[in-house]
């Protein structure tokens, strides 16, 4: 091993600078105060999520009822999934039903009403919010049993 280290020659360039392993010539070294990557990282580098969204928005031509029209790739893929499901493909039907249950569950559209327990909770909350919005008047508030001392803060504020 020591023989190999001795075999590596260290020589000097024209300026007298040592050149060898780990010591490149000075004219090829980075200059002091200057970046090795002056352009830096590109701005707006996309990740997978943005690429998927962008790709799904790209329009495709579809023939429907003998006419050609443009729709998004996402809509086209869903149309193909629907057609496969209607033809009897079990996996497509499962996937389509999964999408329907995940994305087609607006309570207003379906007409679901909250259960009686939830309605009771909502009613109690509305009553509490109404009570907090309308504070009791001075006639309804209980009288203060302790009289004001002579040096109260009200008298100090008046001075």
Protein backbone atom coordinates (compact mmCIF):
# COMPACT_ATOMS: atom_id res chain seq x y z
CA UNK A 1 0.00 0.00 0.00
CA UNK A 2 2.79 2.41 0.80
CA UNK A 3 4.32 1.61 -2.59
CA UNK A 4 1.24 2.92 -4.37
CA UNK A 5 1.28 6.22 -2.47
CA UNK A 6 4.86 6.69 -3.46
CA UNK A 7 4.02 5.93 -7.08
CA UNK A 8 1.61 8.92 -7.29
CA UNK A 9 3.67 11.74 -8.62
CA UNK A 10 3.19 15.26 -7.41
CA UNK A 11 4.36 17.81 -9.85
CA UNK A 12 4.15 21.56 -10.04
CA UNK A 13 2.37 23.65 -12.64
CA UNK A 14 3.89 26.73 -14.27
CA UNK A 15 3.12 28.89 -11.21
CA UNK A 16 4.84 26.52 -8.81
CA UNK A 17 1.52 25.17 -7.42
CA UNK A 18 1.51 21.47 -6.53
CA UNK A 19 -0.67 19.35 -8.81
CA UNK A 20 -1.74 15.81 -7.97
CA UNK A 21 -4.43 13.76 -6.30
CA UNK A 22 -6.88 16.16 -4.60
CA UNK A 23 -4.88 19.16 -5.83
CA UNK A 24 -6.19 20.25 -9.25
CA UNK A 25 -4.39 22.89 -11.29
CA UNK A 26 -5.24 26.41 -10.19
CA UNK A 27 -6.72 27.42 -13.54
CA UNK A 28 -9.41 24.69 -13.19
CA UNK A 29 -10.34 25.46 -9.56
CA UNK A 30 -13.41 27.50 -8.62
CA UNK A 31 -12.61 31.16 -8.09
CA UNK A 32 -12.90 32.52 -4.56
CA UNK A 33 -16.27 34.18 -3.91
CA UNK A 34 -17.86 32.73 -7.05
CA UNK A 35 -20.43 29.94 -7.00
CA UNK A 36 -19.76 26.63 -8.68
CA UNK A 37 -23.39 26.64 -9.82
CA UNK A 38 -24.09 30.25 -10.81
CA UNK A 39 -27.47 29.51 -12.42
CA UNK A 40 -28.63 27.72 -9.27
CA UNK A 41 -31.69 25.55 -8.94
CA UNK A 42 -34.41 26.18 -11.50
CA UNK A 43 -37.36 28.08 -10.14
CA UNK A 44 -40.72 26.34 -10.02
CA UNK A 45 -39.47 22.77 -10.10
CA UNK A 46 -42.61 20.64 -10.14
CA UNK A 47 -43.35 17.67 -7.95
CA UNK A 48 -45.42 14.61 -8.82
CA UNK A 49 -48.71 16.07 -7.56
CA UNK A 50 -48.48 19.12 -9.83
CA UNK A 51 -47.45 16.95 -12.78
CA UNK A 52 -50.46 14.67 -12.27
CA UNK A 53 -52.84 17.64 -12.03
CA UNK A 54 -51.35 19.21 -15.17
CA UNK A 55 -51.54 15.96 -17.15
CA UNK A 56 -55.16 15.34 -16.14
CA UNK A 57 -56.16 18.80 -17.39
CA UNK A 58 -54.74 18.29 -20.90
CA UNK A 59 -57.64 18.15 -23.36
CA UNK A 60 -58.27 15.11 -25.54
CA UNK A 61 -60.60 14.70 -28.52
CA UNK A 62 -63.53 12.36 -28.04
CA UNK A 63 -66.14 11.31 -30.59
CA UNK A 64 -69.58 11.24 -29.03
CA UNK A 65 -72.75 10.71 -31.05
CA UNK A 66 -70.77 11.19 -34.26
CA UNK A 67 -69.40 14.57 -33.19
CA UNK A 68 -65.91 15.37 -32.00
CA UNK A 69 -65.39 17.44 -28.87
CA UNK A 70 -62.58 18.18 -26.43
CA UNK A 71 -62.69 17.09 -22.81
CA UNK A 72 -60.04 16.82 -20.08
CA UNK A 73 -57.98 13.65 -19.78
CA UNK A 74 -59.47 13.07 -16.35
CA UNK A 75 -63.02 13.23 -17.70
CA UNK A 76 -62.08 10.93 -20.59
CA UNK A 77 -60.57 8.36 -18.23
CA UNK A 78 -63.74 8.41 -16.12
CA UNK A 79 -65.86 7.93 -19.24
CA UNK A 80 -63.79 4.88 -20.22
CA UNK A 81 -64.15 3.54 -16.67
CA UNK A 82 -67.91 4.03 -16.85
CA UNK A 83 -68.16 2.26 -20.20
CA UNK A 84 -66.13 -0.71 -18.92
CA UNK A 85 -68.30 -0.91 -15.79
CA UNK A 86 -71.48 -0.87 -17.89
CA UNK A 87 -70.13 -3.69 -20.06
CA UNK A 88 -69.70 -5.87 -16.96
CA UNK A 89 -66.04 -5.45 -15.94
CA UNK A 90 -66.10 -6.15 -12.19
CA UNK A 91 -62.90 -4.24 -11.34
CA UNK A 92 -64.11 -1.17 -13.21
CA UNK A 93 -67.47 -1.36 -11.47
CA UNK A 94 -65.79 -1.60 -8.05
CA UNK A 95 -63.54 1.36 -8.82
CA UNK A 96 -66.44 3.45 -10.15
CA UNK A 97 -68.56 2.70 -7.07
CA UNK A 98 -65.61 3.58 -4.83
CA UNK A 99 -65.24 6.94 -6.58
CA UNK A 100 -68.98 7.53 -6.34
CA UNK A 101 -69.01 6.88 -2.59
CA UNK A 102 -65.93 9.03 -2.00
CA UNK A 103 -66.77 12.05 -4.17
CA UNK A 104 -70.57 11.95 -4.52
CA UNK A 105 -71.62 12.25 -0.88
CA UNK A 106 -73.03 15.75 -0.45
CA UNK A 107 -75.67 15.59 2.28
CA UNK A 108 -77.69 18.36 0.60
CA UNK A 109 -77.98 16.46 -2.67
CA UNK A 110 -78.85 13.13 -1.05
CA UNK A 111 -81.35 14.67 1.37
CA UNK A 112 -80.02 13.15 4.59
CA UNK A 113 -81.15 14.74 7.84
CA UNK A 114 -79.07 14.60 11.02
CA UNK A 115 -80.05 11.96 13.58
CA UNK A 116 -82.11 13.01 16.67
CA UNK A 117 -79.01 13.05 18.92
CA UNK A 118 -77.25 15.42 16.54
CA UNK A 119 -80.33 17.62 16.31
CA UNK A 120 -80.44 17.85 20.13
CA UNK A 121 -76.77 18.86 20.24
CA UNK A 122 -77.32 21.49 17.55
CA UNK A 123 -80.37 22.88 19.36
CA UNK A 124 -78.44 23.15 22.64
CA UNK A 125 -75.61 24.94 20.84
CA UNK A 126 -78.01 27.42 19.20
CA UNK A 127 -79.64 28.15 22.58
CA UNK A 128 -76.23 28.66 24.20
CA UNK A 129 -75.09 30.97 21.41
CA UNK A 130 -78.34 32.98 21.66
CA UNK A 131 -77.90 33.33 25.45
CA UNK A 132 -74.34 34.53 25.01
CA UNK A 133 -75.40 37.08 22.39
CA UNK A 134 -78.07 38.58 24.70
CA UNK A 135 -76.41 39.38 28.07
CA UNK A 136 -78.78 39.80 31.05
CA UNK A 137 -79.93 43.37 31.80
CA UNK A 138 -79.13 45.16 35.09
CA UNK A 139 -82.61 44.48 36.49
CA UNK A 140 -82.09 40.74 35.97
CA UNK A 141 -78.58 40.66 37.47
CA UNK A 142 -78.34 39.76 41.17
CA UNK A 143 -77.62 42.61 43.60
CA UNK A 144 -74.09 42.89 44.94
CA UNK A 145 -74.22 42.07 48.70
CA UNK A 146 -71.05 44.04 49.56
CA UNK A 147 -71.35 47.85 49.62
CA UNK A 148 -68.75 49.96 47.83
CA UNK A 149 -65.95 51.06 50.13
CA UNK A 150 -65.18 54.75 50.36
CA UNK A 151 -62.03 54.46 48.24
CA UNK A 152 -63.51 52.54 45.33
CA UNK A 153 -62.15 52.67 41.81
CA UNK A 154 -65.30 54.47 40.56
CA UNK A 155 -64.59 57.44 42.80
CA UNK A 156 -60.91 57.47 41.75
CA UNK A 157 -61.91 57.48 38.10
CA UNK A 158 -64.22 60.45 38.70
CA UNK A 159 -61.35 62.50 40.20
